[in-house]
Amino acid sequence: WLIINSLKGTTEFLRNPVGLPVKLIFSNYSTMFVEFNLPQMFINTLLICFIIPTVSLLIANGAAYAVAKFKFGLRTVCYTLAMVNIYVSIAGTLPTTYKLMNNLGLIDSLLGLVIMGSGGLNFDFLLLHGIYVNISNEYREAAEIDGAGYWRIFLQIYFPQVFTTTLSLWLLAFIGQWNNYTSPYLFWHSAPTLATGIKTISDAVANSKEYSLMYPKLFAAMVITIIPVILIFTCLQRPISKVSAGGGIKG
């Protein structure tokens, strides 16, 4: 329905919103690209969607591996903090977060947005920790005998065994950031993303005289924004379906 109506004129849509278009109007798409600068919105969105999940999962993997495989004083504290982060509601902390970010000079910056979204003690940490705990320590012991260091053991032996899980979590985080409206709107407002841009276009259609009731153009912009997510799902559905925490020790 969205695609069909994105190819209609405004008058035709208002008269018959459920019928097929009499004439396909592809100019709705080009109009959105030119007049609302969708390419820049795409660039801003892709920056967020690639950087934040990647940084967050690198931190979560490192933290989960360390807590699962090493004994140190704050081990239990780190795990407990992750559990508290899951169970305690943070719905009312947005004003405090905004004040903190403002005091740190991180408002309206990509760096601030990345720092906000890259916490290591979260659900990803708990899931990855459970996998690392169940991977045999014989891998590490054998690698240490061969002279491998900590980073080599982690990156070449343990991380590949959680790669498919990490990829699945990355995809979910990618889509979450793609649809994220609140954080970019509050903390990176000078660089519109697709989520905030669609809101701008919707407001223009609803309130401005120039784009009054031009819903087919709004639908065209919405179709453009969902195509990348559909392509990602299509390309990565096989590795996601094969998520496994299996080990490799032979009896």
C-alpha atoms as a PDB file:
ATOM      1  CA  TRP A   1       0.000   0.000   0.000  1.00  0.00           C
ATOM      2  CA  LEU A   2       2.846   2.353   0.878  1.00  0.00           C
ATOM      3  CA  ILE A   3       4.707   1.671  -2.369  1.00  0.00           C
ATOM      4  CA  ILE A   4       1.564   1.940  -4.508  1.00  0.00           C
ATOM      5  CA  ASN A   5       0.564   5.280  -3.039  1.00  0.00           C
ATOM      6  CA  SER A   6       4.101   6.638  -3.278  1.00  0.00           C
ATOM      7  CA  LEU A   7       3.675   6.464  -7.062  1.00  0.00           C
ATOM      8  CA  LYS A   8       0.462   8.530  -7.178  1.00  0.00           C
ATOM      9  CA  GLY A   9      -0.223  12.218  -7.417  1.00  0.00           C
ATOM     10  CA  THR A  10      -1.705  14.022  -4.432  1.00  0.00           C
ATOM     11  CA  THR A  11      -5.172  14.417  -5.973  1.00  0.00           C
ATOM     12  CA  GLU A  12      -5.350  10.783  -7.057  1.00  0.00           C
ATOM     13  CA  PHE A  13      -4.277   9.581  -3.610  1.00  0.00           C
ATOM     14  CA  LEU A  14      -6.895  11.683  -1.816  1.00  0.00           C
ATOM     15  CA  ARG A  15      -9.627  10.455  -4.158  1.00  0.00           C
ATOM     16  CA  ASN A  16      -8.662   6.783  -4.168  1.00  0.00           C
ATOM     17  CA  PRO A  17      -6.110   5.763  -1.517  1.00  0.00           C
ATOM     18  CA  VAL A  18      -6.683   2.022  -1.992  1.00  0.00           C
ATOM     19  CA  GLY A  19      -6.630   1.714  -5.790  1.00  0.00           C
ATOM     20  CA  LEU A  20      -3.767   1.206  -8.209  1.00  0.00           C
ATOM     21  CA  PRO A  21      -2.189   4.347  -9.685  1.00  0.00           C
ATOM     22  CA  VAL A  22      -3.480   5.475 -13.082  1.00  0.00           C
ATOM     23  CA  LYS A  23      -0.022   6.827 -13.911  1.00  0.00           C
ATOM     24  CA  LEU A  24       3.233   5.999 -12.157  1.00  0.00           C
ATOM     25  CA  ILE A  25       4.831   9.170 -10.804  1.00  0.00           C
ATOM     26  CA  PHE A  26       8.457   8.324 -10.003  1.00  0.00           C
ATOM     27  CA  SER A  27       9.269  11.999  -9.611  1.00  0.00           C
ATOM     28  CA  ASN A  28       8.033  11.757  -6.010  1.00  0.00           C
ATOM     29  CA  TYR A  29      11.280   9.960  -5.202  1.00  0.00           C
ATOM     30  CA  SER A  30      13.579  12.389  -6.979  1.00  0.00           C
ATOM     31  CA  THR A  31      11.754  15.312  -5.337  1.00  0.00           C
ATOM     32  CA  MET A  32      12.468  13.907  -1.888  1.00  0.00           C
ATOM     33  CA  PHE A  33      16.143  13.415  -2.674  1.00  0.00           C
ATOM     34  CA  VAL A  34      16.614  16.937  -3.983  1.00  0.00           C
ATOM     35  CA  GLU A  35      14.361  19.107  -1.848  1.00  0.00           C
ATOM     36  CA  PHE A  36      14.873  17.434   1.528  1.00  0.00           C
ATOM     37  CA  ASN A  37      18.527  16.382   1.090  1.00  0.00           C
ATOM     38  CA  LEU A  38      17.939  12.685   1.749  1.00  0.00           C
ATOM     39  CA  PRO A  39      21.520  11.719   0.719  1.00  0.00           C
ATOM     40  CA  GLN A  40      22.934  13.679   3.670  1.00  0.00           C
ATOM     41  CA  MET A  41      20.361  12.075   5.968  1.00  0.00           C
ATOM     42  CA  PHE A  42      21.518   8.673   4.694  1.00  0.00           C
ATOM     43  CA  ILE A  43      25.156   9.517   5.420  1.00  0.00           C
ATOM     44  CA  ASN A  44      24.386  10.723   8.951  1.00  0.00           C
ATOM     45  CA  THR A  45      22.253   7.652   9.643  1.00  0.00           C
ATOM     46  CA  LEU A  46      24.861   5.222   8.305  1.00  0.00           C
ATOM     47  CA  LEU A  47      27.543   6.833  10.467  1.00  0.00           C
ATOM     48  CA  ILE A  48      25.455   6.208  13.565  1.00  0.00           C
ATOM     49  CA  CYS A  49      24.336   2.735  12.507  1.00  0.00           C
ATOM     50  CA  PHE A  50      27.841   1.471  11.775  1.00  0.00           C
ATOM     51  CA  ILE A  51      29.888   3.194  14.463  1.00  0.00           C
ATOM     52  CA  ILE A  52      27.678   2.769  17.550  1.00  0.00           C
ATOM     53  CA  PRO A  53      26.899  -0.984  17.201  1.00  0.00           C
ATOM     54  CA  THR A  54      30.515  -1.751  16.264  1.00  0.00           C
ATOM     55  CA  VAL A  55      32.036   0.134  19.201  1.00  0.00           C
ATOM     56  CA  SER A  56      29.381  -1.144  21.608  1.00  0.00           C
ATOM     57  CA  LEU A  57      29.883  -4.802  20.656  1.00  0.00           C
ATOM     58  CA  LEU A  58      33.670  -4.551  20.737  1.00  0.00           C
ATOM     59  CA  ILE A  59      33.422  -3.235  24.298  1.00  0.00           C
ATOM     60  CA  ALA A  60      30.782  -5.808  25.261  1.00  0.00           C
ATOM     61  CA  ASN A  61      32.873  -8.658  23.826  1.00  0.00           C
ATOM     62  CA  GLY A  62      35.991  -7.547  25.646  1.00  0.00           C
ATOM     63  CA  ALA A  63      34.159  -7.073  28.927  1.00  0.00           C
ATOM     64  CA  ALA A  64      32.276 -10.375  28.639  1.00  0.00           C
ATOM     65  CA  TYR A  65      35.451 -12.299  27.837  1.00  0.00           C
ATOM     66  CA  ALA A  66      37.375 -10.731  30.714  1.00  0.00           C
ATOM     67  CA  VAL A  67      34.630 -11.369  33.277  1.00  0.00           C
ATOM     68  CA  ALA A  68      34.063 -14.921  32.027  1.00  0.00           C
ATOM     69  CA  LYS A  69      37.673 -16.063  31.800  1.00  0.00           C
ATOM     70  CA  PHE A  70      39.689 -14.071  34.353  1.00  0.00           C
ATOM     71  CA  LYS A  71      39.493 -13.884  38.117  1.00  0.00           C
ATOM     72  CA  PHE A  72      39.808 -10.345  39.524  1.00  0.00           C
ATOM     73  CA  GLY A  73      38.332  -8.337  42.381  1.00  0.00           C
ATOM     74  CA  LEU A  74      35.598  -6.486  40.455  1.00  0.00           C
ATOM     75  CA  ARG A  75      34.430  -9.517  38.489  1.00  0.00           C
ATOM     76  CA  THR A  76      31.206  -9.980  40.444  1.00  0.00           C
ATOM     77  CA  VAL A  77      30.618  -6.219  40.576  1.00  0.00           C
ATOM     78  CA  CYS A  78      30.776  -5.928  36.775  1.00  0.00           C
ATOM     79  CA  TYR A  79      28.290  -8.759  36.300  1.00  0.00           C
ATOM     80  CA  THR A  80      25.974  -7.319  38.950  1.00  0.00           C
ATOM     81  CA  LEU A  81      26.057  -3.880  37.311  1.00  0.00           C
ATOM     82  CA  ALA A  82      25.044  -5.467  34.017  1.00  0.00           C
ATOM     83  CA  MET A  83      22.110  -7.208  35.704  1.00  0.00           C
ATOM     84  CA  VAL A  84      21.031  -3.986  37.418  1.00  0.00           C
ATOM     85  CA  ASN A  85      21.235  -2.168  34.090  1.00  0.00           C
ATOM     86  CA  ILE A  86      18.740  -4.657  32.654  1.00  0.00           C
ATOM     87  CA  TYR A  87      16.242  -4.726  35.514  1.00  0.00           C
ATOM     88  CA  VAL A  88      16.202  -1.109  36.701  1.00  0.00           C
ATOM     89  CA  SER A  89      14.100   1.251  34.581  1.00  0.00           C
ATOM     90  CA  ILE A  90      15.936   4.246  33.124  1.00  0.00           C
ATOM     91  CA  ALA A  91      12.870   5.849  31.537  1.00  0.00           C
ATOM     92  CA  GLY A  92      13.073   8.893  33.816  1.00  0.00           C
ATOM     93  CA  THR A  93      16.799   9.584  33.417  1.00  0.00           C
ATOM     94  CA  LEU A  94      16.671  11.494  30.125  1.00  0.00           C
ATOM     95  CA  PRO A  95      16.768  15.003  31.712  1.00  0.00           C
ATOM     96  CA  THR A  96      19.750  13.995  33.851  1.00  0.00           C
ATOM     97  CA  THR A  97      21.482  12.462  30.839  1.00  0.00           C
ATOM     98  CA  TYR A  98      20.956  15.620  28.820  1.00  0.00           C
ATOM     99  CA  LYS A  99      22.368  17.764  31.638  1.00  0.00           C
ATOM    100  CA  LEU A 100      25.403  15.494  31.987  1.00  0.00           C
ATOM    101  CA  MET A 101      26.089  15.528  28.242  1.00  0.00           C
ATOM    102  CA  ASN A 102      25.707  19.303  28.179  1.00  0.00           C
ATOM    103  CA  ASN A 103      28.131  19.742  31.095  1.00  0.00           C
ATOM    104  CA  LEU A 104      30.665  17.542  29.297  1.00  0.00           C
ATOM    105  CA  GLY A 105      30.329  19.576  26.108  1.00  0.00           C
ATOM    106  CA  LEU A 106      29.097  16.571  24.129  1.00  0.00           C
ATOM    107  CA  ILE A 107      25.748  17.954  22.982  1.00  0.00           C
ATOM    108  CA  ASP A 108      25.313  18.105  19.207  1.00  0.00           C
ATOM    109  CA  SER A 109      28.291  15.891  18.430  1.00  0.00           C
ATOM    110  CA  LEU A 110      28.748  12.442  16.927  1.00  0.00           C
ATOM    111  CA  LEU A 111      31.260  11.603  19.653  1.00  0.00           C
ATOM    112  CA  GLY A 112      28.678  12.240  22.353  1.00  0.00           C
ATOM    113  CA  LEU A 113      26.146  10.045  20.577  1.00  0.00           C
ATOM    114  CA  VAL A 114      28.702   7.230  20.246  1.00  0.00           C
ATOM    115  CA  ILE A 115      29.660   7.442  23.926  1.00  0.00           C
ATOM    116  CA  MET A 116      25.998   7.320  24.936  1.00  0.00           C
ATOM    117  CA  GLY A 117      25.272   4.235  22.849  1.00  0.00           C
ATOM    118  CA  SER A 118      28.436   2.255  23.525  1.00  0.00           C
ATOM    119  CA  GLY A 119      28.055   0.973  27.060  1.00  0.00           C
ATOM    120  CA  GLY A 120      29.609  -2.428  27.638  1.00  0.00           C
ATOM    121  CA  LEU A 121      27.560  -3.692  30.604  1.00  0.00           C
ATOM    122  CA  ASN A 122      24.253  -4.335  28.859  1.00  0.00           C
ATOM    123  CA  PHE A 123      22.164  -7.195  27.451  1.00  0.00           C
ATOM    124  CA  ASP A 124      24.841  -7.925  24.829  1.00  0.00           C
ATOM    125  CA  PHE A 125      27.365  -8.367  27.622  1.00  0.00           C
ATOM    126  CA  LEU A 126      25.145 -10.853  29.473  1.00  0.00           C
ATOM    127  CA  LEU A 127      24.469 -12.908  26.344  1.00  0.00           C
ATOM    128  CA  LEU A 128      28.112 -13.000  25.276  1.00  0.00           C
ATOM    129  CA  HIS A 129      29.252 -13.722  28.834  1.00  0.00           C
ATOM    130  CA  GLY A 130      27.042 -16.805  28.903  1.00  0.00           C
ATOM    131  CA  ILE A 131      28.676 -18.044  25.696  1.00  0.00           C
ATOM    132  CA  TYR A 132      32.256 -17.342  26.784  1.00  0.00           C
ATOM    133  CA  VAL A 133      31.678 -19.129  30.094  1.00  0.00           C
ATOM    134  CA  ASN A 134      30.676 -22.285  28.232  1.00  0.00           C
ATOM    135  CA  ILE A 135      33.673 -22.294  25.867  1.00  0.00           C
ATOM    136  CA  SER A 136      36.323 -24.649  27.183  1.00  0.00           C
ATOM    137  CA  ASN A 137      39.375 -23.191  28.929  1.00  0.00           C
ATOM    138  CA  GLU A 138      41.508 -25.795  27.144  1.00  0.00           C
ATOM    139  CA  TYR A 139      41.685 -23.437  24.178  1.00  0.00           C
ATOM    140  CA  ARG A 140      43.436 -20.788  26.249  1.00  0.00           C
ATOM    141  CA  GLU A 141      45.685 -23.254  28.065  1.00  0.00           C
ATOM    142  CA  ALA A 142      46.876 -24.767  24.795  1.00  0.00           C
ATOM    143  CA  ALA A 143      47.470 -21.327  23.264  1.00  0.00           C
ATOM    144  CA  GLU A 144      49.423 -20.153  26.334  1.00  0.00           C
ATOM    145  CA  ILE A 145      51.675 -23.194  26.069  1.00  0.00           C
ATOM    146  CA  ASP A 146      52.366 -22.204  22.447  1.00  0.00           C
ATOM    147  CA  GLY A 147      53.287 -18.694  23.590  1.00  0.00           C
ATOM    148  CA  ALA A 148      50.172 -16.777  22.527  1.00  0.00           C
ATOM    149  CA  GLY A 149      49.425 -13.521  24.349  1.00  0.00           C
ATOM    150  CA  TYR A 150      46.122 -12.336  25.813  1.00  0.00           C
ATOM    151  CA  TRP A 151      44.991 -10.371  22.770  1.00  0.00           C
ATOM    152  CA  ARG A 152      45.907 -13.128  20.331  1.00  0.00           C
ATOM    153  CA  ILE A 153      44.002 -15.704  22.363  1.00  0.00           C
ATOM    154  CA  PHE A 154      40.951 -13.453  22.495  1.00  0.00           C
ATOM    155  CA  LEU A 155      40.940 -12.280  18.866  1.00  0.00           C
ATOM    156  CA  GLN A 156      42.026 -15.478  17.112  1.00  0.00           C
ATOM    157  CA  ILE A 157      40.561 -18.220  19.301  1.00  0.00           C
ATOM    158  CA  TYR A 158      37.608 -17.013  21.353  1.00  0.00           C
ATOM    159  CA  PHE A 159      36.102 -14.171  19.332  1.00  0.00           C
ATOM    160  CA  PRO A 160      35.629 -16.270  16.142  1.00  0.00           C
ATOM    161  CA  GLN A 161      33.478 -18.675  18.172  1.00  0.00           C
ATOM    162  CA  VAL A 162      31.029 -15.897  19.077  1.00  0.00           C
ATOM    163  CA  PHE A 163      31.219 -14.106  15.734  1.00  0.00           C
ATOM    164  CA  THR A 164      27.809 -15.248  14.438  1.00  0.00           C
ATOM    165  CA  THR A 165      26.163 -14.219  17.698  1.00  0.00           C
ATOM    166  CA  THR A 166      27.965 -10.883  17.558  1.00  0.00           C
ATOM    167  CA  LEU A 167      26.831 -10.431  13.952  1.00  0.00           C
ATOM    168  CA  SER A 168      23.205 -11.037  14.953  1.00  0.00           C
ATOM    169  CA  LEU A 169      23.464  -8.571  17.829  1.00  0.00           C
ATOM    170  CA  TRP A 170      25.119  -6.058  15.506  1.00  0.00           C
ATOM    171  CA  LEU A 171      22.264  -6.361  13.027  1.00  0.00           C
ATOM    172  CA  LEU A 172      19.648  -5.803  15.721  1.00  0.00           C
ATOM    173  CA  ALA A 173      21.613  -2.808  17.021  1.00  0.00           C
ATOM    174  CA  PHE A 174      21.952  -1.487  13.455  1.00  0.00           C
ATOM    175  CA  ILE A 175      18.190  -1.554  12.971  1.00  0.00           C
ATOM    176  CA  GLY A 176      17.659  -0.033  16.403  1.00  0.00           C
ATOM    177  CA  GLN A 177      19.928   2.874  15.523  1.00  0.00           C
ATOM    178  CA  TRP A 178      18.317   3.182  12.076  1.00  0.00           C
ATOM    179  CA  ASN A 179      14.953   3.745  13.736  1.00  0.00           C
ATOM    180  CA  ASN A 180      16.333   5.761  16.658  1.00  0.00           C
ATOM    181  CA  TYR A 181      14.619   9.131  16.815  1.00  0.00           C
ATOM    182  CA  THR A 182      15.077  10.485  20.336  1.00  0.00           C
ATOM    183  CA  SER A 183      18.875  10.343  20.714  1.00  0.00           C
ATOM    184  CA  PRO A 184      19.801  11.998  17.375  1.00  0.00           C
ATOM    185  CA  TYR A 185      17.050  14.583  17.850  1.00  0.00           C
ATOM    186  CA  LEU A 186      18.308  15.603  21.304  1.00  0.00           C
ATOM    187  CA  PHE A 187      22.040  15.002  21.110  1.00  0.00           C
ATOM    188  CA  TRP A 188      22.971  15.532  17.417  1.00  0.00           C
ATOM    189  CA  HIS A 189      20.262  17.898  16.227  1.00  0.00           C
ATOM    190  CA  SER A 190      22.388  19.763  13.673  1.00  0.00           C
ATOM    191  CA  ALA A 191      22.803  16.585  11.579  1.00  0.00           C
ATOM    192  CA  PRO A 192      19.380  15.192  10.575  1.00  0.00           C
ATOM    193  CA  THR A 193      19.097  11.424  10.265  1.00  0.00           C
ATOM    194  CA  LEU A 194      16.432   9.534   8.361  1.00  0.00           C
ATOM    195  CA  ALA A 195      14.333   9.131  11.520  1.00  0.00           C
ATOM    196  CA  THR A 196      14.387  12.825  12.345  1.00  0.00           C
ATOM    197  CA  GLY A 197      14.197  13.735   8.655  1.00  0.00           C
ATOM    198  CA  ILE A 198      10.994  11.760   8.112  1.00  0.00           C
ATOM    199  CA  LYS A 199       9.477  13.691  11.025  1.00  0.00           C
ATOM    200  CA  THR A 200      10.503  16.954   9.334  1.00  0.00           C
ATOM    201  CA  ILE A 201       8.939  15.847   6.050  1.00  0.00           C
ATOM    202  CA  SER A 202       5.788  14.696   7.838  1.00  0.00           C
ATOM    203  CA  ASP A 203       5.480  18.081   9.554  1.00  0.00           C
ATOM    204  CA  ALA A 204       5.916  19.829   6.208  1.00  0.00           C
ATOM    205  CA  VAL A 205       3.150  17.738   4.629  1.00  0.00           C
ATOM    206  CA  ALA A 206       0.829  18.331   7.552  1.00  0.00           C
ATOM    207  CA  ASN A 207       1.487  21.999   8.246  1.00  0.00           C
ATOM    208  CA  SER A 208       3.186  23.837   5.383  1.00  0.00           C
ATOM    209  CA  LYS A 209       1.405  25.327   2.387  1.00  0.00           C
ATOM    210  CA  GLU A 210       4.121  24.275  -0.058  1.00  0.00           C
ATOM    211  CA  TYR A 211       3.774  20.550   0.700  1.00  0.00           C
ATOM    212  CA  SER A 212       0.209  20.510   2.020  1.00  0.00           C
ATOM    213  CA  LEU A 213      -1.325  17.006   1.828  1.00  0.00           C
ATOM    214  CA  MET A 214       1.450  15.717  -0.445  1.00  0.00           C
ATOM    215  CA  TYR A 215       1.365  12.325   1.234  1.00  0.00           C
ATOM    216  CA  PRO A 216       2.664  10.403  -1.818  1.00  0.00           C
ATOM    217  CA  LYS A 217       5.946  12.279  -1.457  1.00  0.00           C
ATOM    218  CA  LEU A 218       6.079  11.413   2.245  1.00  0.00           C
ATOM    219  CA  PHE A 219       5.400   7.759   1.375  1.00  0.00           C
ATOM    220  CA  ALA A 220       8.208   7.864  -1.193  1.00  0.00           C
ATOM    221  CA  ALA A 221      10.626   9.056   1.472  1.00  0.00           C
ATOM    222  CA  MET A 222       9.449   6.297   3.825  1.00  0.00           C
ATOM    223  CA  VAL A 223       9.974   3.631   1.147  1.00  0.00           C
ATOM    224  CA  ILE A 224      13.502   4.913   0.567  1.00  0.00           C
ATOM    225  CA  THR A 225      14.324   4.619   4.274  1.00  0.00           C
ATOM    226  CA  ILE A 226      13.197   0.992   4.641  1.00  0.00           C
ATOM    227  CA  ILE A 227      14.993  -0.404   1.565  1.00  0.00           C
ATOM    228  CA  PRO A 228      18.446  -0.709   3.255  1.00  0.00           C
ATOM    229  CA  VAL A 229      17.006  -2.603   6.230  1.00  0.00           C
ATOM    230  CA  ILE A 230      15.236  -5.058   3.919  1.00  0.00           C
ATOM    231  CA  LEU A 231      18.467  -5.607   1.955  1.00  0.00           C
ATOM    232  CA  ILE A 232      20.448  -6.245   5.143  1.00  0.00           C
ATOM    233  CA  PHE A 233      17.934  -8.829   6.349  1.00  0.00           C
ATOM    234  CA  THR A 234      17.973 -10.504   2.934  1.00  0.00           C
ATOM    235  CA  CYS A 235      21.766 -10.712   2.777  1.00  0.00           C
ATOM    236  CA  LEU A 236      22.355 -11.818   6.379  1.00  0.00           C
ATOM    237  CA  GLN A 237      19.424 -14.131   7.060  1.00  0.00           C
ATOM    238  CA  ARG A 238      21.544 -17.278   6.607  1.00  0.00           C
ATOM    239  CA  PRO A 239      24.313 -16.450   9.113  1.00  0.00           C
ATOM    240  CA  ILE A 240      21.716 -15.184  11.584  1.00  0.00           C
ATOM    241  CA  SER A 241      19.783 -18.462  11.363  1.00  0.00           C
ATOM    242  CA  LYS A 242      22.983 -20.357  12.142  1.00  0.00           C
ATOM    243  CA  VAL A 243      23.742 -18.591  15.410  1.00  0.00           C
ATOM    244  CA  SER A 244      25.501 -21.160  17.523  1.00  0.00           C
ATOM    245  CA  ALA A 245      27.647 -21.310  20.639  1.00  0.00           C
ATOM    246  CA  GLY A 246      29.075 -24.735  19.860  1.00  0.00           C
ATOM    247  CA  GLY A 247      32.606 -25.612  20.900  1.00  0.00           C
ATOM    248  CA  GLY A 248      35.401 -27.362  19.050  1.00  0.00           C
ATOM    249  CA  ILE A 249      36.988 -29.667  21.597  1.00  0.00           C
ATOM    250  CA  LYS A 250      37.221 -33.246  20.384  1.00  0.00           C
ATOM    251  CA  GLY A 251      36.951 -36.063  22.836  1.00  0.00           C
END
